Amino acid sequence: MNAIKSLSPKPARKRQTGIPPALLFFGAVACVACGWLGLQVAGPLQVAARLHSENDAIERQLHLREIQNQNALKQVRAIDTEQGAIAAARAKGYMFANERPLHIQNESPAQ
């Protein structure tokens, strides 16, 4: 007599071709070590970037001071002449000894 064969095939045994656990462990350790090394290398670069931005701010302030000094020097040179001194004195309300102020009355009030 013949035996009845099962219609469902037997599950084939799978070969284990996965990655060995030791290799996974050392891979994880290598990733952590590379991350730590990256942080160690990035630290001085971040400090340099901060110092660079501070230097840029100081240079901008220096440039503004140089412009202010140039404007002040222009004003000094303008007042240094005789006409400049007279104009500056008149702007502050000074007059020559023999001068009298001139008052002009307006017909309509100033708006």
C-alpha atoms as a PDB file:
ATOM      1  CA  MET A   1       0.000   0.000   0.000  1.00  0.00           C
ATOM      2  CA  ASN A   2       1.072   3.519  -0.761  1.00  0.00           C
ATOM      3  CA  ALA A   3       1.302   6.157   1.896  1.00  0.00           C
ATOM      4  CA  ILE A   4      -0.644   9.337   1.420  1.00  0.00           C
ATOM      5  CA  LYS A   5       1.632  12.199   0.695  1.00  0.00           C
ATOM      6  CA  SER A   6       1.005  15.547   2.295  1.00  0.00           C
ATOM      7  CA  LEU A   7       0.146  18.307  -0.149  1.00  0.00           C
ATOM      8  CA  SER A   8       1.855  20.997   1.849  1.00  0.00           C
ATOM      9  CA  PRO A   9       5.586  21.076   1.258  1.00  0.00           C
ATOM     10  CA  LYS A  10       7.921  20.775   4.169  1.00  0.00           C
ATOM     11  CA  PRO A  11       9.428  24.065   5.235  1.00  0.00           C
ATOM     12  CA  ALA A  12      12.980  24.214   4.025  1.00  0.00           C
ATOM     13  CA  ARG A  13      15.604  24.904   6.603  1.00  0.00           C
ATOM     14  CA  LYS A  14      16.931  28.395   6.177  1.00  0.00           C
ATOM     15  CA  ARG A  15      20.604  28.982   6.368  1.00  0.00           C
ATOM     16  CA  GLN A  16      21.484  31.644   8.843  1.00  0.00           C
ATOM     17  CA  THR A  17      23.303  34.254   6.797  1.00  0.00           C
ATOM     18  CA  GLY A  18      22.779  37.181   9.224  1.00  0.00           C
ATOM     19  CA  ILE A  19      25.441  39.451  10.571  1.00  0.00           C
ATOM     20  CA  PRO A  20      27.269  38.014  13.571  1.00  0.00           C
ATOM     21  CA  PRO A  21      26.427  39.782  16.868  1.00  0.00           C
ATOM     22  CA  ALA A  22      30.104  40.562  17.529  1.00  0.00           C
ATOM     23  CA  LEU A  23      30.285  42.493  14.271  1.00  0.00           C
ATOM     24  CA  LEU A  24      27.144  44.467  15.199  1.00  0.00           C
ATOM     25  CA  PHE A  25      28.630  45.305  18.605  1.00  0.00           C
ATOM     26  CA  PHE A  26      31.939  46.525  17.180  1.00  0.00           C
ATOM     27  CA  GLY A  27      30.068  48.475  14.481  1.00  0.00           C
ATOM     28  CA  ALA A  28      28.029  50.257  17.163  1.00  0.00           C
ATOM     29  CA  VAL A  29      31.198  50.988  19.168  1.00  0.00           C
ATOM     30  CA  ALA A  30      32.851  52.377  16.030  1.00  0.00           C
ATOM     31  CA  CYS A  31      29.838  54.659  15.364  1.00  0.00           C
ATOM     32  CA  VAL A  32      29.907  56.015  18.920  1.00  0.00           C
ATOM     33  CA  ALA A  33      33.678  56.560  18.701  1.00  0.00           C
ATOM     34  CA  CYS A  34      33.344  58.436  15.393  1.00  0.00           C
ATOM     35  CA  GLY A  35      30.600  60.630  16.866  1.00  0.00           C
ATOM     36  CA  TRP A  36      32.748  61.469  19.884  1.00  0.00           C
ATOM     37  CA  LEU A  37      35.721  62.218  17.636  1.00  0.00           C
ATOM     38  CA  GLY A  38      33.536  64.506  15.500  1.00  0.00           C
ATOM     39  CA  LEU A  39      32.501  66.474  18.587  1.00  0.00           C
ATOM     40  CA  GLN A  40      36.139  66.813  19.647  1.00  0.00           C
ATOM     41  CA  VAL A  41      37.106  68.162  16.228  1.00  0.00           C
ATOM     42  CA  ALA A  42      34.088  70.503  15.979  1.00  0.00           C
ATOM     43  CA  GLY A  43      34.760  72.188  19.363  1.00  0.00           C
ATOM     44  CA  PRO A  44      37.711  74.365  18.293  1.00  0.00           C
ATOM     45  CA  LEU A  45      35.962  75.205  15.023  1.00  0.00           C
ATOM     46  CA  GLN A  46      32.917  76.486  16.897  1.00  0.00           C
ATOM     47  CA  VAL A  47      35.127  78.593  19.162  1.00  0.00           C
ATOM     48  CA  ALA A  48      36.886  80.012  16.101  1.00  0.00           C
ATOM     49  CA  ALA A  49      33.547  80.873  14.482  1.00  0.00           C
ATOM     50  CA  ARG A  50      32.408  82.694  17.654  1.00  0.00           C
ATOM     51  CA  LEU A  51      35.661  84.653  17.870  1.00  0.00           C
ATOM     52  CA  HIS A  52      35.405  85.518  14.174  1.00  0.00           C
ATOM     53  CA  SER A  53      31.900  86.956  14.633  1.00  0.00           C
ATOM     54  CA  GLU A  54      33.056  88.977  17.665  1.00  0.00           C
ATOM     55  CA  ASN A  55      35.972  90.360  15.636  1.00  0.00           C
ATOM     56  CA  ASP A  56      33.586  91.321  12.828  1.00  0.00           C
ATOM     57  CA  ALA A  57      31.414  93.247  15.295  1.00  0.00           C
ATOM     58  CA  ILE A  58      34.466  95.078  16.673  1.00  0.00           C
ATOM     59  CA  GLU A  59      35.648  95.929  13.156  1.00  0.00           C
ATOM     60  CA  ARG A  60      32.198  97.359  12.303  1.00  0.00           C
ATOM     61  CA  GLN A  61      32.334  99.555  15.424  1.00  0.00           C
ATOM     62  CA  LEU A  62      35.854 100.686  14.494  1.00  0.00           C
ATOM     63  CA  HIS A  63      34.712 101.587  10.989  1.00  0.00           C
ATOM     64  CA  LEU A  64      31.816 103.655  12.398  1.00  0.00           C
ATOM     65  CA  ARG A  65      34.221 105.468  14.745  1.00  0.00           C
ATOM     66  CA  GLU A  66      36.522 106.260  11.833  1.00  0.00           C
ATOM     67  CA  ILE A  67      33.601 107.779   9.923  1.00  0.00           C
ATOM     68  CA  GLN A  68      32.597 109.836  12.976  1.00  0.00           C
ATOM     69  CA  ASN A  69      36.193 111.058  13.345  1.00  0.00           C
ATOM     70  CA  GLN A  70      36.306 112.049   9.672  1.00  0.00           C
ATOM     71  CA  ASN A  71      33.066 114.025  10.042  1.00  0.00           C
ATOM     72  CA  ALA A  72      34.369 115.755  13.170  1.00  0.00           C
ATOM     73  CA  LEU A  73      37.624 116.591  11.370  1.00  0.00           C
ATOM     74  CA  LYS A  74      35.642 118.123   8.483  1.00  0.00           C
ATOM     75  CA  GLN A  75      33.751 120.318  10.964  1.00  0.00           C
ATOM     76  CA  VAL A  76      36.993 121.412  12.626  1.00  0.00           C
ATOM     77  CA  ARG A  77      38.545 122.284   9.274  1.00  0.00           C
ATOM     78  CA  ALA A  78      35.434 124.264   8.313  1.00  0.00           C
ATOM     79  CA  ILE A  79      35.563 126.295  11.542  1.00  0.00           C
ATOM     80  CA  ASP A  80      39.339 126.717  11.357  1.00  0.00           C
ATOM     81  CA  THR A  81      39.024 129.434   8.676  1.00  0.00           C
ATOM     82  CA  GLU A  82      38.023 132.995   9.538  1.00  0.00           C
ATOM     83  CA  GLN A  83      34.713 132.763   7.699  1.00  0.00           C
ATOM     84  CA  GLY A  84      33.970 129.431   9.370  1.00  0.00           C
ATOM     85  CA  ALA A  85      34.642 130.860  12.842  1.00  0.00           C
ATOM     86  CA  ILE A  86      32.378 133.838  12.146  1.00  0.00           C
ATOM     87  CA  ALA A  87      29.595 131.585  10.839  1.00  0.00           C
ATOM     88  CA  ALA A  88      29.867 129.271  13.855  1.00  0.00           C
ATOM     89  CA  ALA A  89      29.812 132.228  16.278  1.00  0.00           C
ATOM     90  CA  ARG A  90      26.790 133.788  14.546  1.00  0.00           C
ATOM     91  CA  ALA A  91      24.968 130.433  14.707  1.00  0.00           C
ATOM     92  CA  LYS A  92      25.438 130.512  18.495  1.00  0.00           C
ATOM     93  CA  GLY A  93      24.158 134.097  18.728  1.00  0.00           C
ATOM     94  CA  TYR A  94      27.404 136.090  18.922  1.00  0.00           C
ATOM     95  CA  MET A  95      27.806 139.448  17.170  1.00  0.00           C
ATOM     96  CA  PHE A  96      30.582 141.902  16.479  1.00  0.00           C
ATOM     97  CA  ALA A  97      31.018 144.731  18.979  1.00  0.00           C
ATOM     98  CA  ASN A  98      29.455 147.395  16.739  1.00  0.00           C
ATOM     99  CA  GLU A  99      26.533 145.296  15.506  1.00  0.00           C
ATOM    100  CA  ARG A 100      22.937 145.411  16.642  1.00  0.00           C
ATOM    101  CA  PRO A 101      20.421 142.628  16.174  1.00  0.00           C
ATOM    102  CA  LEU A 102      17.927 143.148  13.395  1.00  0.00           C
ATOM    103  CA  HIS A 103      14.336 142.350  14.297  1.00  0.00           C
ATOM    104  CA  ILE A 104      11.909 141.850  11.458  1.00  0.00           C
ATOM    105  CA  GLN A 105       8.232 141.818  12.293  1.00  0.00           C
ATOM    106  CA  ASN A 106       6.042 139.548  10.249  1.00  0.00           C
ATOM    107  CA  GLU A 107       2.585 140.642   9.199  1.00  0.00           C
ATOM    108  CA  SER A 108       1.219 137.152   9.766  1.00  0.00           C
ATOM    109  CA  PRO A 109       2.198 134.899  12.670  1.00  0.00           C
ATOM    110  CA  ALA A 110       4.744 132.181  11.918  1.00  0.00           C
ATOM    111  CA  GLN A 111       3.243 128.799  11.315  1.00  0.00           C
END
